[in-house]
Amino acid sequence: MDTTPEQIKNLENILKDKILVTYCNGIGCYLSDKVAYKLFDMGYRNIVIFFSGWNKWNEHNLPIEK
């Protein structure tokens, strides 16, 4: 949430054509929604909100790209 639009713009070449997954601490946290809306407003369309949180993502061995 603290990333500025300028910082995201600097990552544009890396982020384009990727599926962007926003996540939070789990059910009841809405920061992932806010980040997704922020990215959408910047023109990104391949956005998915993962509501279960980072721990569940890892628990299910879902992919991570660094």
N, C-alpha and C. Protein backbone atom coordinates (compact mmCIF):
# COMPACT_ATOMS: atom_id res chain seq x y z
N MET A 1 0.81 -1.20 0.00
CA MET A 1 0.00 0.00 0.00
C MET A 1 0.85 1.25 0.00
N ASP A 2 2.04 1.17 0.54
CA ASP A 2 2.88 2.36 0.65
C ASP A 2 3.66 2.67 -0.62
N THR A 3 3.61 1.77 -1.59
CA THR A 3 4.33 1.99 -2.84
C THR A 3 3.66 3.11 -3.62
N THR A 4 4.46 4.04 -4.09
CA THR A 4 3.91 5.19 -4.83
C THR A 4 3.65 4.79 -6.28
N PRO A 5 2.78 5.53 -6.96
CA PRO A 5 2.55 5.26 -8.39
C PRO A 5 3.84 5.35 -9.20
N GLU A 6 4.74 6.23 -8.80
CA GLU A 6 6.01 6.36 -9.52
C GLU A 6 6.86 5.10 -9.38
N GLN A 7 6.87 4.52 -8.18
CA GLN A 7 7.61 3.28 -7.97
C GLN A 7 7.02 2.13 -8.80
N ILE A 8 5.70 2.07 -8.85
CA ILE A 8 5.05 1.03 -9.66
C ILE A 8 5.34 1.27 -11.13
N LYS A 9 5.34 2.51 -11.56
CA LYS A 9 5.64 2.85 -12.96
C LYS A 9 7.04 2.36 -13.33
N ASN A 10 7.99 2.45 -12.39
CA ASN A 10 9.36 1.97 -12.65
C ASN A 10 9.41 0.46 -12.86
N LEU A 11 8.41 -0.26 -12.38
CA LEU A 11 8.35 -1.72 -12.53
C LEU A 11 7.49 -2.15 -13.71
N GLU A 12 7.01 -1.20 -14.49
CA GLU A 12 6.06 -1.48 -15.55
C GLU A 12 6.53 -2.58 -16.50
N ASN A 13 7.78 -2.57 -16.91
CA ASN A 13 8.28 -3.59 -17.84
C ASN A 13 8.28 -4.97 -17.22
N ILE A 14 8.47 -5.05 -15.91
CA ILE A 14 8.46 -6.34 -15.22
C ILE A 14 7.02 -6.82 -15.00
N LEU A 15 6.12 -5.90 -14.68
CA LEU A 15 4.75 -6.26 -14.31
C LEU A 15 3.83 -6.52 -15.50
N LYS A 16 4.12 -5.91 -16.64
CA LYS A 16 3.23 -6.09 -17.78
C LYS A 16 3.21 -7.56 -18.19
N ASP A 17 2.07 -7.99 -18.63
CA ASP A 17 1.84 -9.38 -19.08
C ASP A 17 1.93 -10.41 -17.95
N LYS A 18 1.96 -9.97 -16.71
CA LYS A 18 1.97 -10.88 -15.56
C LYS A 18 0.59 -10.88 -14.91
N ILE A 19 0.26 -11.97 -14.26
CA ILE A 19 -0.92 -11.99 -13.41
C ILE A 19 -0.46 -11.48 -12.04
N LEU A 20 -1.06 -10.41 -11.58
CA LEU A 20 -0.68 -9.81 -10.31
C LEU A 20 -1.65 -10.28 -9.24
N VAL A 21 -1.13 -10.89 -8.21
CA VAL A 21 -1.94 -11.41 -7.11
C VAL A 21 -1.71 -10.53 -5.90
N THR A 22 -2.78 -9.92 -5.42
CA THR A 22 -2.68 -9.15 -4.18
C THR A 22 -3.19 -10.02 -3.04
N TYR A 23 -2.58 -9.88 -1.89
CA TYR A 23 -2.97 -10.71 -0.74
C TYR A 23 -2.86 -9.88 0.53
N CYS A 24 -3.43 -10.41 1.57
CA CYS A 24 -3.46 -9.72 2.85
C CYS A 24 -3.09 -10.71 3.95
N ASN A 25 -3.39 -10.35 5.18
CA ASN A 25 -3.11 -11.23 6.31
C ASN A 25 -4.18 -12.29 6.50
N GLY A 26 -5.21 -12.27 5.70
CA GLY A 26 -6.27 -13.26 5.81
C GLY A 26 -7.63 -12.60 5.85
N ILE A 27 -8.62 -13.39 6.18
CA ILE A 27 -10.00 -12.92 6.20
C ILE A 27 -10.14 -11.75 7.17
N GLY A 28 -10.81 -10.71 6.72
CA GLY A 28 -11.01 -9.52 7.54
C GLY A 28 -10.04 -8.40 7.22
N CYS A 29 -9.03 -8.68 6.41
CA CYS A 29 -8.07 -7.66 5.99
C CYS A 29 -8.45 -7.22 4.58
N TYR A 30 -8.50 -5.92 4.37
CA TYR A 30 -8.95 -5.40 3.07
C TYR A 30 -7.88 -4.62 2.32
N LEU A 31 -6.63 -4.72 2.78
CA LEU A 31 -5.57 -4.02 2.07
C LEU A 31 -5.36 -4.60 0.67
N SER A 32 -5.58 -5.90 0.51
CA SER A 32 -5.42 -6.50 -0.82
C SER A 32 -6.40 -5.90 -1.82
N ASP A 33 -7.60 -5.59 -1.36
CA ASP A 33 -8.58 -4.91 -2.23
C ASP A 33 -8.07 -3.55 -2.65
N LYS A 34 -7.57 -2.81 -1.69
CA LYS A 34 -7.10 -1.45 -1.97
C LYS A 34 -5.93 -1.46 -2.95
N VAL A 35 -5.01 -2.41 -2.78
CA VAL A 35 -3.88 -2.52 -3.70
C VAL A 35 -4.37 -2.89 -5.09
N ALA A 36 -5.31 -3.82 -5.18
CA ALA A 36 -5.86 -4.23 -6.48
C ALA A 36 -6.52 -3.05 -7.19
N TYR A 37 -7.29 -2.27 -6.45
CA TYR A 37 -7.94 -1.09 -7.05
C TYR A 37 -6.91 -0.07 -7.52
N LYS A 38 -5.85 0.09 -6.73
CA LYS A 38 -4.78 1.03 -7.09
C LYS A 38 -4.12 0.59 -8.39
N LEU A 39 -3.81 -0.71 -8.50
CA LEU A 39 -3.21 -1.23 -9.72
C LEU A 39 -4.16 -1.11 -10.90
N PHE A 40 -5.44 -1.39 -10.69
CA PHE A 40 -6.43 -1.27 -11.74
C PHE A 40 -6.50 0.16 -12.26
N ASP A 41 -6.51 1.11 -11.34
CA ASP A 41 -6.55 2.52 -11.72
C ASP A 41 -5.32 2.94 -12.51
N MET A 42 -4.22 2.20 -12.33
CA MET A 42 -2.99 2.50 -13.07
C MET A 42 -2.95 1.79 -14.42
N GLY A 43 -4.00 1.02 -14.75
CA GLY A 43 -4.08 0.40 -16.06
C GLY A 43 -3.82 -1.10 -16.10
N TYR A 44 -3.51 -1.71 -14.96
CA TYR A 44 -3.29 -3.15 -14.93
C TYR A 44 -4.64 -3.86 -14.91
N ARG A 45 -4.75 -4.95 -15.67
CA ARG A 45 -6.03 -5.66 -15.76
C ARG A 45 -5.92 -7.12 -15.34
N ASN A 46 -4.74 -7.68 -15.30
CA ASN A 46 -4.56 -9.08 -14.89
C ASN A 46 -4.31 -9.13 -13.38
N ILE A 47 -5.34 -8.84 -12.61
CA ILE A 47 -5.23 -8.75 -11.16
C ILE A 47 -6.16 -9.77 -10.52
N VAL A 48 -5.63 -10.47 -9.52
CA VAL A 48 -6.42 -11.43 -8.76
C VAL A 48 -6.23 -11.10 -7.28
N ILE A 49 -7.32 -11.11 -6.53
CA ILE A 49 -7.25 -10.88 -5.08
C ILE A 49 -7.34 -12.24 -4.40
N PHE A 50 -6.33 -12.58 -3.61
CA PHE A 50 -6.31 -13.83 -2.87
C PHE A 50 -6.69 -13.52 -1.43
N PHE A 51 -7.92 -13.83 -1.07
CA PHE A 51 -8.47 -13.41 0.22
C PHE A 51 -7.97 -14.22 1.42
N SER A 52 -7.43 -15.40 1.19
CA SER A 52 -7.07 -16.27 2.31
C SER A 52 -5.76 -15.89 2.99
N GLY A 53 -4.96 -15.07 2.38
CA GLY A 53 -3.74 -14.59 3.00
C GLY A 53 -2.49 -15.37 2.62
N TRP A 54 -1.37 -14.76 2.95
CA TRP A 54 -0.06 -15.27 2.58
C TRP A 54 0.21 -16.66 3.17
N ASN A 55 -0.17 -16.88 4.41
CA ASN A 55 0.07 -18.18 5.04
C ASN A 55 -0.64 -19.30 4.28
N LYS A 56 -1.87 -19.08 3.87
CA LYS A 56 -2.61 -20.10 3.10
C LYS A 56 -1.97 -20.32 1.74
N TRP A 57 -1.49 -19.25 1.12
CA TRP A 57 -0.81 -19.36 -0.17
C TRP A 57 0.36 -20.33 -0.05
N ASN A 58 1.19 -20.11 0.97
CA ASN A 58 2.34 -20.98 1.19
C ASN A 58 1.93 -22.39 1.58
N GLU A 59 0.90 -22.51 2.39
CA GLU A 59 0.41 -23.81 2.84
C GLU A 59 0.02 -24.69 1.64
N HIS A 60 -0.49 -24.08 0.59
CA HIS A 60 -0.92 -24.80 -0.60
C HIS A 60 0.17 -24.87 -1.68
N ASN A 61 1.38 -24.40 -1.31
CA ASN A 61 2.52 -24.44 -2.23
C ASN A 61 2.23 -23.77 -3.57
N LEU A 62 1.52 -22.66 -3.52
CA LEU A 62 1.23 -21.92 -4.74
C LEU A 62 2.50 -21.19 -5.20
N PRO A 63 2.61 -20.88 -6.49
CA PRO A 63 3.86 -20.33 -7.02
C PRO A 63 4.21 -18.94 -6.47
N ILE A 64 5.51 -18.74 -6.35
CA ILE A 64 6.05 -17.46 -5.89
C ILE A 64 7.13 -17.05 -6.88
N GLU A 65 7.07 -15.82 -7.34
CA GLU A 65 8.11 -15.31 -8.24
C GLU A 65 8.77 -14.14 -7.57
N LYS A 66 10.08 -14.16 -7.52
CA LYS A 66 10.84 -13.08 -6.88
C LYS A 66 11.50 -12.21 -7.89
